N, C-alpha and C. Protein backbone atom coordinates (compact mmCIF):
# COMPACT_ATOMS: atom_id res chain seq x y z
N MET A 1 25.57 29.33 -56.60
CA MET A 1 25.24 29.27 -55.18
C MET A 1 24.85 30.79 -54.78
N ASN A 2 24.08 30.86 -53.99
CA ASN A 2 23.71 32.21 -53.36
C ASN A 2 24.66 32.70 -52.41
N PRO A 3 25.07 33.89 -52.62
CA PRO A 3 25.96 34.46 -51.64
C PRO A 3 25.30 34.76 -50.35
N ASP A 4 25.90 34.85 -49.22
CA ASP A 4 25.41 35.00 -47.87
C ASP A 4 24.96 36.47 -47.86
N THR A 5 23.53 36.51 -47.65
CA THR A 5 23.08 37.99 -47.69
C THR A 5 23.09 38.51 -46.30
N ARG A 6 23.37 37.77 -45.41
CA ARG A 6 23.36 38.25 -43.94
C ARG A 6 24.60 38.99 -43.76
N SER A 7 24.36 40.07 -43.07
CA SER A 7 25.64 40.86 -42.76
C SER A 7 26.13 40.50 -41.47
N THR A 8 27.36 40.54 -41.34
CA THR A 8 27.99 40.19 -40.00
C THR A 8 27.80 41.28 -39.08
N PRO A 9 27.54 41.12 -37.83
CA PRO A 9 27.39 42.21 -36.89
C PRO A 9 28.64 42.81 -36.53
N SER A 10 28.67 43.99 -36.22
CA SER A 10 29.85 44.72 -35.92
C SER A 10 30.35 44.41 -34.42
N ASP A 11 31.52 44.86 -34.16
CA ASP A 11 32.04 44.41 -32.86
C ASP A 11 31.28 45.24 -31.77
N ASP A 12 30.88 46.40 -32.04
CA ASP A 12 30.01 47.16 -31.01
C ASP A 12 28.73 46.48 -30.76
N ASP A 13 27.97 45.99 -31.82
CA ASP A 13 26.91 45.29 -31.65
C ASP A 13 27.02 44.02 -30.85
N LEU A 14 28.11 43.33 -31.05
CA LEU A 14 28.33 42.05 -30.37
C LEU A 14 28.66 42.38 -28.91
N ASP A 15 29.48 43.40 -28.68
CA ASP A 15 29.74 43.83 -27.34
C ASP A 15 28.44 44.10 -26.53
N ARG A 16 27.65 44.92 -27.07
CA ARG A 16 26.39 45.28 -26.51
C ARG A 16 25.51 44.19 -26.24
N LEU A 17 25.38 43.10 -27.18
CA LEU A 17 24.62 41.92 -26.87
C LEU A 17 25.16 41.09 -25.88
N LEU A 18 26.51 40.84 -25.87
CA LEU A 18 27.03 40.14 -24.76
C LEU A 18 27.02 40.76 -23.47
N ALA A 19 26.97 42.13 -23.44
CA ALA A 19 26.98 42.83 -22.05
C ALA A 19 25.55 42.70 -21.46
N ARG A 20 24.56 42.49 -22.12
CA ARG A 20 23.20 42.46 -21.64
C ARG A 20 23.08 41.26 -20.69
N ARG A 21 22.44 41.34 -19.66
CA ARG A 21 22.20 40.24 -18.69
C ARG A 21 21.16 39.41 -19.15
N TYR A 22 20.12 39.92 -19.83
CA TYR A 22 18.98 39.14 -20.32
C TYR A 22 19.00 39.03 -21.76
N ARG A 23 18.98 37.83 -22.33
CA ARG A 23 18.94 37.68 -23.84
C ARG A 23 17.54 37.67 -24.30
N ASP A 24 17.25 38.16 -25.48
CA ASP A 24 15.88 37.95 -26.14
C ASP A 24 14.81 38.67 -25.35
N THR A 25 15.08 39.74 -24.72
CA THR A 25 14.06 40.46 -23.88
C THR A 25 14.05 41.96 -24.27
N SER A 26 12.87 42.60 -24.10
CA SER A 26 12.91 43.94 -24.38
C SER A 26 13.50 44.78 -23.20
N PRO A 27 13.83 46.04 -23.39
CA PRO A 27 14.19 46.93 -22.27
C PRO A 27 13.16 47.16 -21.19
N GLU A 28 12.00 47.12 -21.59
CA GLU A 28 10.83 47.32 -20.65
C GLU A 28 10.66 46.14 -19.89
N PHE A 29 10.78 44.92 -20.45
CA PHE A 29 10.67 43.67 -19.65
C PHE A 29 11.83 43.62 -18.44
N GLU A 30 13.07 44.02 -19.03
CA GLU A 30 14.22 44.10 -18.13
C GLU A 30 14.01 44.95 -16.98
N ALA A 31 13.31 46.18 -17.29
CA ALA A 31 13.10 47.06 -16.15
C ALA A 31 12.11 46.50 -15.19
N ARG A 32 11.10 46.04 -15.68
CA ARG A 32 10.10 45.42 -14.77
C ARG A 32 10.66 44.17 -13.94
N TRP A 33 11.53 43.43 -14.59
CA TRP A 33 12.22 42.31 -13.84
C TRP A 33 13.07 42.82 -12.72
N VAL A 34 13.86 43.90 -12.97
CA VAL A 34 14.73 44.43 -11.96
C VAL A 34 13.85 45.10 -10.83
N ALA A 35 12.61 45.68 -11.12
CA ALA A 35 11.85 46.24 -10.08
C ALA A 35 11.22 45.12 -9.27
N LEU A 36 10.88 44.00 -10.04
CA LEU A 36 10.30 42.91 -9.26
C LEU A 36 11.39 42.26 -8.34
N LYS A 37 12.56 42.11 -8.75
CA LYS A 37 13.61 41.53 -7.84
C LYS A 37 13.82 42.39 -6.61
N ARG A 38 13.87 43.69 -6.90
CA ARG A 38 14.10 44.68 -5.81
C ARG A 38 12.98 44.52 -4.73
N GLU A 39 11.71 44.40 -5.30
CA GLU A 39 10.62 44.38 -4.37
C GLU A 39 10.52 43.12 -3.66
N LEU A 40 10.99 42.00 -4.34
CA LEU A 40 11.11 40.68 -3.55
C LEU A 40 12.21 40.61 -2.52
N ARG A 41 13.24 41.35 -2.75
CA ARG A 41 14.36 41.42 -1.75
C ARG A 41 13.98 42.16 -0.59
N GLN A 42 13.15 43.19 -0.72
CA GLN A 42 12.68 44.07 0.41
C GLN A 42 11.65 43.53 1.26
N ALA A 43 10.74 42.57 0.59
CA ALA A 43 9.71 41.89 1.24
C ALA A 43 10.21 40.95 2.34
N PRO A 44 9.45 40.93 3.50
CA PRO A 44 9.89 39.99 4.64
C PRO A 44 9.69 38.57 4.06
N PRO A 45 10.72 37.63 4.46
CA PRO A 45 10.48 36.25 4.09
C PRO A 45 9.35 35.60 4.58
N VAL A 46 8.81 34.69 3.88
CA VAL A 46 7.60 34.09 4.21
C VAL A 46 7.98 32.85 5.14
N ARG A 47 7.43 32.77 6.37
CA ARG A 47 7.78 31.74 7.26
C ARG A 47 6.79 30.55 6.95
N ALA A 48 7.32 29.28 7.11
CA ALA A 48 6.45 28.07 7.02
C ALA A 48 5.49 27.89 8.15
N ARG A 49 4.32 27.81 7.81
CA ARG A 49 3.41 27.64 8.91
C ARG A 49 3.19 26.26 9.35
N LEU A 50 3.57 26.03 10.66
CA LEU A 50 3.47 24.63 11.20
C LEU A 50 2.10 24.48 11.81
N LEU A 51 1.64 23.22 11.86
CA LEU A 51 0.40 23.02 12.57
C LEU A 51 0.70 23.06 14.05
N PRO A 52 -0.30 23.64 14.77
CA PRO A 52 -0.17 23.59 16.26
C PRO A 52 -0.09 22.24 16.72
N ALA A 53 0.52 22.09 17.87
CA ALA A 53 0.72 20.82 18.43
C ALA A 53 -0.54 20.13 18.87
N TRP A 54 -1.58 20.90 19.30
CA TRP A 54 -2.86 20.19 19.67
C TRP A 54 -3.62 19.69 18.39
N ARG A 55 -3.44 20.29 17.32
CA ARG A 55 -4.09 19.74 16.10
C ARG A 55 -3.44 18.45 15.67
N LEU A 56 -2.11 18.41 15.82
CA LEU A 56 -1.41 17.13 15.39
C LEU A 56 -1.77 16.08 16.40
N THR A 57 -1.82 16.47 17.61
CA THR A 57 -2.21 15.47 18.74
C THR A 57 -3.66 14.97 18.50
N GLY A 58 -4.48 15.86 18.07
CA GLY A 58 -5.92 15.41 17.71
C GLY A 58 -5.90 14.47 16.52
N TRP A 59 -5.05 14.64 15.52
CA TRP A 59 -5.06 13.63 14.51
C TRP A 59 -4.50 12.35 14.88
N PHE A 60 -3.38 12.31 15.64
CA PHE A 60 -2.86 11.05 16.20
C PHE A 60 -3.92 10.38 17.05
N GLY A 61 -4.53 11.22 17.91
CA GLY A 61 -5.55 10.67 18.77
C GLY A 61 -6.76 9.98 17.94
N ALA A 62 -7.18 10.66 16.99
CA ALA A 62 -8.22 10.01 16.20
C ALA A 62 -7.75 8.70 15.41
N VAL A 63 -6.57 8.75 14.85
CA VAL A 63 -6.11 7.63 14.29
C VAL A 63 -5.85 6.47 15.17
N GLY A 64 -5.33 6.88 16.41
CA GLY A 64 -5.12 5.84 17.41
C GLY A 64 -6.42 5.18 17.88
N ALA A 65 -7.51 6.05 18.08
CA ALA A 65 -8.86 5.62 18.39
C ALA A 65 -9.41 4.56 17.37
N LEU A 66 -9.35 5.03 16.25
CA LEU A 66 -9.80 4.16 15.11
C LEU A 66 -9.02 2.79 15.14
N GLY A 67 -7.78 2.87 15.24
CA GLY A 67 -7.01 1.59 15.23
C GLY A 67 -7.42 0.70 16.52
N ALA A 68 -7.64 1.33 17.69
CA ALA A 68 -8.01 0.65 18.88
C ALA A 68 -9.43 -0.06 18.62
N ALA A 69 -10.26 0.67 18.06
CA ALA A 69 -11.56 0.19 17.84
C ALA A 69 -11.49 -1.00 16.81
N ALA A 70 -10.68 -0.86 15.84
CA ALA A 70 -10.55 -1.98 14.83
C ALA A 70 -10.00 -3.20 15.56
N ALA A 71 -9.06 -2.96 16.35
CA ALA A 71 -8.47 -4.11 17.08
C ALA A 71 -9.42 -4.76 18.00
N ILE A 72 -10.24 -3.96 18.73
CA ILE A 72 -11.29 -4.58 19.64
C ILE A 72 -12.29 -5.38 18.84
N ALA A 73 -12.72 -4.87 17.78
CA ALA A 73 -13.72 -5.58 16.85
C ALA A 73 -13.08 -6.82 16.41
N PHE A 74 -11.86 -6.76 15.95
CA PHE A 74 -11.16 -8.09 15.45
C PHE A 74 -11.25 -9.09 16.52
N VAL A 75 -10.79 -8.77 17.74
CA VAL A 75 -10.67 -9.68 18.84
C VAL A 75 -12.07 -10.17 19.30
N MET A 76 -13.02 -9.33 19.23
CA MET A 76 -14.43 -9.79 19.60
C MET A 76 -14.92 -10.68 18.54
N TYR A 77 -14.52 -10.53 17.26
CA TYR A 77 -15.07 -11.23 16.22
C TYR A 77 -14.42 -12.63 16.15
N SER A 78 -13.04 -12.62 16.36
CA SER A 78 -12.35 -13.95 16.38
C SER A 78 -12.45 -14.63 17.65
N ALA A 79 -12.92 -14.18 18.70
CA ALA A 79 -13.09 -14.84 20.01
C ALA A 79 -14.52 -15.37 20.28
N ARG A 80 -15.48 -15.06 19.42
CA ARG A 80 -16.77 -15.54 19.64
C ARG A 80 -16.82 -17.08 19.49
N PRO A 81 -17.69 -17.61 20.35
CA PRO A 81 -17.84 -19.09 20.34
C PRO A 81 -18.44 -19.64 18.96
N PRO A 82 -17.97 -20.83 18.60
CA PRO A 82 -18.53 -21.41 17.37
C PRO A 82 -20.04 -21.70 17.52
N LYS A 83 -20.47 -21.74 16.34
CA LYS A 83 -22.00 -21.99 16.30
C LYS A 83 -22.22 -23.38 16.84
N PRO A 84 -23.32 -23.69 17.57
CA PRO A 84 -23.53 -24.91 18.13
C PRO A 84 -24.00 -25.89 16.88
N ILE A 85 -23.60 -27.22 17.08
CA ILE A 85 -24.06 -28.15 16.11
C ILE A 85 -25.40 -28.59 16.32
N PRO A 86 -26.22 -28.66 15.34
CA PRO A 86 -27.54 -28.91 15.48
C PRO A 86 -27.80 -30.36 16.08
N SER A 87 -28.85 -30.66 16.78
CA SER A 87 -29.03 -32.00 17.44
C SER A 87 -29.17 -32.99 16.31
N VAL A 88 -28.88 -34.21 16.65
CA VAL A 88 -28.93 -35.27 15.73
C VAL A 88 -30.34 -35.60 15.28
N ALA A 89 -31.37 -35.34 16.05
CA ALA A 89 -32.71 -35.58 15.79
C ALA A 89 -33.24 -34.70 14.62
N ALA A 90 -32.64 -33.42 14.48
CA ALA A 90 -32.89 -32.65 13.40
C ALA A 90 -32.37 -33.01 12.08
N LEU A 91 -31.42 -33.91 12.08
CA LEU A 91 -30.69 -34.18 10.88
C LEU A 91 -31.43 -35.35 10.11
N SER A 92 -31.20 -35.25 8.75
CA SER A 92 -31.72 -36.32 7.96
C SER A 92 -31.18 -37.66 8.19
N PRO A 93 -31.89 -38.65 7.80
CA PRO A 93 -31.35 -40.11 8.13
C PRO A 93 -30.03 -40.44 7.42
N GLN A 94 -29.92 -39.88 6.17
CA GLN A 94 -28.66 -40.07 5.40
C GLN A 94 -27.53 -39.26 6.14
N LEU A 95 -27.65 -38.23 6.63
CA LEU A 95 -26.65 -37.44 7.32
C LEU A 95 -26.26 -38.21 8.59
N THR A 96 -27.36 -38.63 9.26
CA THR A 96 -27.02 -39.40 10.56
C THR A 96 -26.17 -40.66 10.32
N GLU A 97 -26.53 -41.31 9.27
CA GLU A 97 -25.76 -42.52 8.77
C GLU A 97 -24.26 -42.08 8.47
N LEU A 98 -24.22 -41.00 7.81
CA LEU A 98 -22.83 -40.51 7.46
C LEU A 98 -21.96 -40.23 8.64
N LEU A 99 -22.66 -39.49 9.56
CA LEU A 99 -21.89 -39.27 10.87
C LEU A 99 -21.51 -40.46 11.67
N ALA A 100 -22.43 -41.47 11.63
CA ALA A 100 -22.09 -42.64 12.25
C ALA A 100 -20.88 -43.33 11.72
N MET A 101 -20.82 -43.42 10.32
CA MET A 101 -19.67 -44.01 9.61
C MET A 101 -18.42 -43.27 9.85
N ASP A 102 -18.41 -41.94 9.94
CA ASP A 102 -17.31 -41.14 10.23
C ASP A 102 -16.78 -41.39 11.57
N ALA A 103 -17.68 -41.72 12.54
CA ALA A 103 -17.25 -41.89 13.94
C ALA A 103 -16.50 -43.33 13.93
N VAL A 104 -17.12 -44.37 13.22
CA VAL A 104 -16.47 -45.68 13.19
C VAL A 104 -15.10 -45.54 12.50
N LEU A 105 -15.02 -44.92 11.38
CA LEU A 105 -13.76 -44.80 10.60
C LEU A 105 -12.76 -43.99 11.37
N GLY A 106 -13.24 -43.01 12.20
CA GLY A 106 -12.31 -42.25 12.98
C GLY A 106 -11.37 -42.96 13.76
N ARG A 107 -11.79 -44.16 14.17
CA ARG A 107 -10.82 -44.96 15.00
C ARG A 107 -9.64 -45.46 14.13
N ALA A 108 -9.86 -45.47 12.82
CA ALA A 108 -8.77 -45.98 11.95
C ALA A 108 -7.68 -44.94 11.57
N LEU A 109 -7.81 -43.65 12.22
CA LEU A 109 -6.73 -42.68 11.96
C LEU A 109 -5.32 -43.11 12.06
N PRO A 110 -4.99 -43.90 13.10
CA PRO A 110 -3.51 -44.26 13.22
C PRO A 110 -3.04 -45.09 11.99
N LEU A 111 -3.96 -45.67 11.15
CA LEU A 111 -3.50 -46.46 10.10
C LEU A 111 -3.04 -45.53 8.93
N LEU A 112 -3.39 -44.27 9.03
CA LEU A 112 -2.93 -43.31 7.96
C LEU A 112 -1.58 -42.92 8.10
N ASP A 113 -0.98 -43.37 9.19
CA ASP A 113 0.56 -42.98 9.37
C ASP A 113 1.36 -43.63 8.36
N GLU A 114 2.49 -43.07 7.88
CA GLU A 114 3.20 -43.69 6.80
C GLU A 114 3.82 -45.08 7.33
N GLU A 115 4.34 -45.06 8.48
CA GLU A 115 4.76 -46.37 8.91
C GLU A 115 3.87 -47.49 9.03
N ASN A 116 2.71 -47.15 9.50
CA ASN A 116 1.67 -48.16 9.66
C ASN A 116 1.27 -48.63 8.19
N ARG A 117 1.12 -47.82 7.27
CA ARG A 117 0.72 -48.19 5.93
C ARG A 117 1.77 -49.19 5.33
N THR A 118 2.99 -48.82 5.50
CA THR A 118 4.14 -49.54 5.00
C THR A 118 4.14 -50.96 5.69
N ALA A 119 3.83 -50.96 6.93
CA ALA A 119 3.81 -52.28 7.64
C ALA A 119 2.67 -53.11 7.24
N LEU A 120 1.52 -52.58 6.88
CA LEU A 120 0.42 -53.26 6.55
C LEU A 120 0.61 -53.71 5.07
N LEU A 121 1.32 -53.10 4.17
CA LEU A 121 1.52 -53.62 2.89
C LEU A 121 2.32 -54.79 2.83
N HIS A 122 3.20 -54.96 3.81
CA HIS A 122 4.14 -56.17 3.88
C HIS A 122 3.64 -57.31 4.67
N LEU A 123 2.50 -57.17 5.25
CA LEU A 123 1.90 -58.37 6.06
C LEU A 123 1.52 -59.55 4.95
N PRO A 124 1.71 -60.77 5.42
CA PRO A 124 1.33 -61.77 4.38
C PRO A 124 -0.11 -61.85 4.40
N ALA A 125 -0.77 -62.11 3.19
CA ALA A 125 -2.13 -62.33 3.05
C ALA A 125 -2.52 -63.68 3.38
N SER A 126 -3.51 -63.81 4.31
CA SER A 126 -3.83 -65.29 4.62
C SER A 126 -4.83 -65.70 3.49
N GLY A 127 -4.58 -66.99 3.16
CA GLY A 127 -5.49 -67.55 2.02
C GLY A 127 -6.83 -67.88 2.61
N GLN A 128 -7.77 -67.55 1.70
CA GLN A 128 -9.26 -67.75 2.02
C GLN A 128 -9.63 -69.04 1.28
N PRO A 129 -10.30 -69.82 1.92
CA PRO A 129 -10.83 -71.18 1.22
C PRO A 129 -11.85 -70.93 0.21
């Protein structure tokens, strides 16, 4: 086995290393760091810059105006009258016949009710000759 070739540091070296506030730095770096901290302590604190009230009001006003415009457009779009149905004369004969059948069958809508369908299913069928 290889003997440990590293020498153990002396107590003075350990005390000096432990007494340093900054580890793994050069003395020049520590001096610059201390000078920078001193400079930062002496500089006046930077105040947060708030937006003026009139600028905030302008933004809220613009957003409110856009919202109001969108609401007005939605109401006008949803409240417009439906398109008129074309006259019967302009329709094809097949479509006219289909509309007539729909009008006749529309009178049978009450038969679609569940009670009416059940009652109709239990009616006796009359015999045909």
